[in-house]
Amino acid sequence: MKKAKVVLCITLLALMCILASCENSVATASVLETEYAADIVTEDPDAAAGSYKAVWSDISIGQGERVILSAEGNSCFQINHGGDQSVTVSASVIFDREAPATVELGYLDLSTSDTEMVEVLSASGGTVMQETFHIPQVIAYKFYIYNGSSDHITVSAMSVSVTQGAGEA
């Protein structure tokens, strides 16, 4: 009887190891996404109509997770393109520690039925990511940060200033 229990325990242990190795090799079809609404969105009175600044704080991003950064109430940001209007975005992200190159910042083009992710910047091992870029003819969008790192990371503070004005897109 004792020998049968030992064999049963060894068999169960072997099955658990097989199941664990199978679980680790299964690729998931989607990335975990969490949405964060802006803490504050304010219009910029010194810039063209439609210009604003959005601020987020304490955003927790797990391994392989993408956070979607939206306007207040989880709504889209809107751009009023017209004629020679250009839209300039200045983004600043401060992490709680050095961010590896697998951390990406970008925006989601929500103006079409096929949502497109546009990567703008990858971290370079520092605690701050800053970039100024132009958004082309996108009407509705949200920002995102993807953590491809094997470690959890926290965004201590993030701000985005969007300015609409004359010039090239």
Protein backbone atom coordinates (compact mmCIF):
# COMPACT_ATOMS: atom_id res chain seq x y z
CA MET A 1 0.00 0.00 0.00
CA LYS A 2 2.83 2.38 0.87
CA LYS A 3 4.52 1.70 -2.47
CA ALA A 4 1.26 2.49 -4.34
CA LYS A 5 1.01 5.87 -2.57
CA VAL A 6 4.59 6.74 -3.55
CA VAL A 7 3.93 5.81 -7.19
CA LEU A 8 0.69 7.82 -7.15
CA CYS A 9 2.47 10.88 -5.68
CA ILE A 10 5.27 10.66 -8.27
CA THR A 11 2.70 10.32 -11.08
CA LEU A 12 0.73 13.33 -9.81
CA LEU A 13 3.91 15.37 -9.51
CA ALA A 14 4.91 14.46 -13.07
CA LEU A 15 1.45 15.44 -14.38
CA MET A 16 1.61 18.77 -12.55
CA CYS A 17 5.02 19.49 -14.12
CA ILE A 18 3.72 18.64 -17.59
CA LEU A 19 0.67 20.87 -17.13
CA ALA A 20 2.82 23.73 -15.83
CA SER A 21 5.15 23.52 -18.83
CA CYS A 22 2.19 23.49 -21.24
CA GLU A 23 0.66 26.51 -19.55
CA ASN A 24 3.88 28.52 -19.95
CA SER A 25 4.13 27.80 -23.65
CA VAL A 26 0.59 28.85 -24.60
CA ALA A 27 0.59 32.24 -26.34
CA THR A 28 -2.31 34.53 -25.55
CA ALA A 29 -4.11 36.13 -28.46
CA SER A 30 -4.66 39.45 -26.75
CA VAL A 31 -2.87 41.84 -24.46
CA LEU A 32 -4.37 42.72 -21.10
CA GLU A 33 -5.66 46.29 -21.30
CA THR A 34 -6.66 48.66 -18.53
CA GLU A 35 -8.11 52.09 -19.16
CA TYR A 36 -7.21 55.17 -17.13
CA ALA A 37 -9.19 58.37 -17.48
CA ALA A 38 -7.20 61.60 -17.15
CA ASP A 39 -7.06 63.12 -13.68
CA ILE A 40 -7.36 66.58 -15.21
CA VAL A 41 -8.01 67.91 -18.72
CA THR A 42 -7.73 71.65 -19.14
CA GLU A 43 -8.05 73.84 -22.20
CA ASP A 44 -5.04 75.95 -23.07
CA PRO A 45 -6.31 79.56 -23.18
CA ASP A 46 -3.08 80.79 -24.81
CA ALA A 47 -3.27 78.39 -27.78
CA ALA A 48 -5.65 77.80 -30.68
CA ALA A 49 -9.16 76.55 -30.00
CA GLY A 50 -9.17 72.84 -29.23
CA SER A 51 -5.74 72.86 -27.54
CA TYR A 52 -5.55 71.22 -24.12
CA LYS A 53 -3.37 69.55 -21.49
CA ALA A 54 -4.20 66.18 -19.88
CA VAL A 55 -2.57 64.81 -16.73
CA TRP A 56 -2.49 61.29 -15.24
CA SER A 57 -0.77 59.98 -12.10
CA ASP A 58 -0.02 56.66 -10.39
CA ILE A 59 -0.64 54.36 -13.33
CA SER A 60 0.28 50.77 -12.57
CA ILE A 61 1.32 48.68 -15.60
CA GLY A 62 1.85 44.95 -15.21
CA GLN A 63 4.02 42.63 -17.26
CA GLY A 64 2.78 42.48 -20.87
CA GLU A 65 -0.02 44.95 -20.14
CA ARG A 66 -1.14 47.97 -22.16
CA VAL A 67 -2.83 50.89 -20.44
CA ILE A 68 -5.15 53.07 -22.48
CA LEU A 69 -5.07 56.74 -21.47
CA SER A 70 -8.32 58.51 -22.22
CA ALA A 71 -9.93 61.86 -21.57
CA GLU A 72 -12.15 62.36 -18.54
CA GLY A 73 -14.94 59.79 -18.35
CA ASN A 74 -12.93 57.36 -20.56
CA SER A 75 -13.94 59.31 -23.66
CA CYS A 76 -11.78 59.86 -26.75
CA PHE A 77 -9.70 62.93 -27.35
CA GLN A 78 -10.94 64.86 -30.37
CA ILE A 79 -9.00 66.81 -32.98
CA ASN A 80 -10.71 69.36 -35.18
CA HIS A 81 -8.61 69.16 -38.35
CA GLY A 82 -9.29 71.74 -40.97
CA GLY A 83 -7.30 73.08 -43.90
CA ASP A 84 -3.71 73.71 -42.88
CA GLN A 85 -4.22 72.94 -39.17
CA SER A 86 -1.49 70.85 -37.58
CA VAL A 87 -1.73 69.02 -34.28
CA THR A 88 1.38 68.83 -32.11
CA VAL A 89 1.56 66.55 -29.09
CA SER A 90 4.13 66.96 -26.33
CA ALA A 91 4.19 63.93 -24.02
CA SER A 92 6.13 63.59 -20.78
CA VAL A 93 6.14 60.37 -18.72
CA ILE A 94 7.91 59.93 -15.37
CA PHE A 95 8.38 56.33 -14.16
CA ASP A 96 9.04 55.12 -10.61
CA ARG A 97 12.30 53.54 -11.86
CA GLU A 98 14.31 53.15 -15.07
CA ALA A 99 12.06 51.92 -17.86
CA PRO A 100 13.45 49.25 -20.20
CA ALA A 101 13.31 49.61 -24.00
CA THR A 102 10.29 47.28 -24.06
CA VAL A 103 8.08 50.07 -22.70
CA GLU A 104 6.32 51.92 -25.55
CA LEU A 105 4.26 55.11 -25.80
CA GLY A 106 1.87 55.87 -28.63
CA TYR A 107 -1.70 56.61 -29.60
CA LEU A 108 -4.68 54.65 -30.86
CA ASP A 109 -6.39 55.92 -33.99
CA LEU A 110 -10.07 55.44 -33.15
CA SER A 111 -11.44 57.34 -36.15
CA THR A 112 -11.79 54.15 -38.20
CA SER A 113 -13.44 50.84 -37.41
CA ASP A 114 -10.02 49.13 -37.53
CA THR A 115 -8.26 50.63 -34.49
CA GLU A 116 -4.62 51.33 -35.34
CA MET A 117 -1.85 51.58 -32.73
CA VAL A 118 0.85 54.09 -33.64
CA GLU A 119 4.06 53.70 -31.63
CA VAL A 120 5.79 57.01 -31.07
CA LEU A 121 8.52 56.31 -28.54
CA SER A 122 10.29 53.47 -26.73
CA ALA A 123 11.92 53.94 -23.35
CA SER A 124 15.70 53.98 -23.28
CA GLY A 125 16.50 52.91 -19.74
CA GLY A 126 15.76 56.26 -18.09
CA THR A 127 13.06 57.33 -15.66
CA VAL A 128 11.65 59.93 -18.08
CA MET A 129 10.22 59.59 -21.59
CA GLN A 130 9.61 62.84 -23.47
CA GLU A 131 8.65 63.38 -27.07
CA THR A 132 6.99 65.94 -29.31
CA PHE A 133 5.23 64.57 -32.38
CA HIS A 134 2.49 65.37 -34.88
CA ILE A 135 -0.77 63.50 -35.25
CA PRO A 136 -1.91 63.31 -38.87
CA GLN A 137 -5.54 63.27 -39.99
CA VAL A 138 -6.80 61.39 -36.94
CA ILE A 139 -10.05 62.70 -35.48
CA ALA A 140 -10.61 60.49 -32.41
CA TYR A 141 -7.77 58.96 -30.42
CA LYS A 142 -6.48 57.79 -27.04
CA PHE A 143 -2.90 57.39 -25.87
CA TYR A 144 -1.36 54.13 -24.66
CA ILE A 145 1.67 52.79 -22.81
CA TYR A 146 2.67 49.15 -23.32
CA ASN A 147 4.92 47.34 -20.86
CA GLY A 148 6.65 44.50 -22.70
CA SER A 149 9.02 44.12 -19.77
CA SER A 150 9.03 41.11 -17.48
CA ASP A 151 8.68 43.49 -14.52
CA HIS A 152 5.84 45.64 -13.24
CA ILE A 153 6.32 49.40 -13.71
CA THR A 154 4.48 52.47 -12.42
CA VAL A 155 3.98 55.80 -14.14
CA SER A 156 4.35 58.36 -11.36
CA ALA A 157 3.15 61.23 -13.55
CA MET A 158 2.27 61.77 -17.20
CA SER A 159 1.19 64.87 -19.03
CA VAL A 160 0.20 65.43 -22.64
CA SER A 161 -0.16 68.86 -24.21
CA VAL A 162 -2.00 68.99 -27.52
CA THR A 163 -1.74 72.18 -29.55
CA GLN A 164 -3.69 72.89 -32.70
CA GLY A 165 -2.38 75.59 -35.00
CA ALA A 166 -1.40 76.60 -38.51
CA GLY A 167 1.42 74.69 -40.13
CA GLU A 168 2.21 71.29 -41.59
CA ALA A 169 0.88 68.11 -40.06
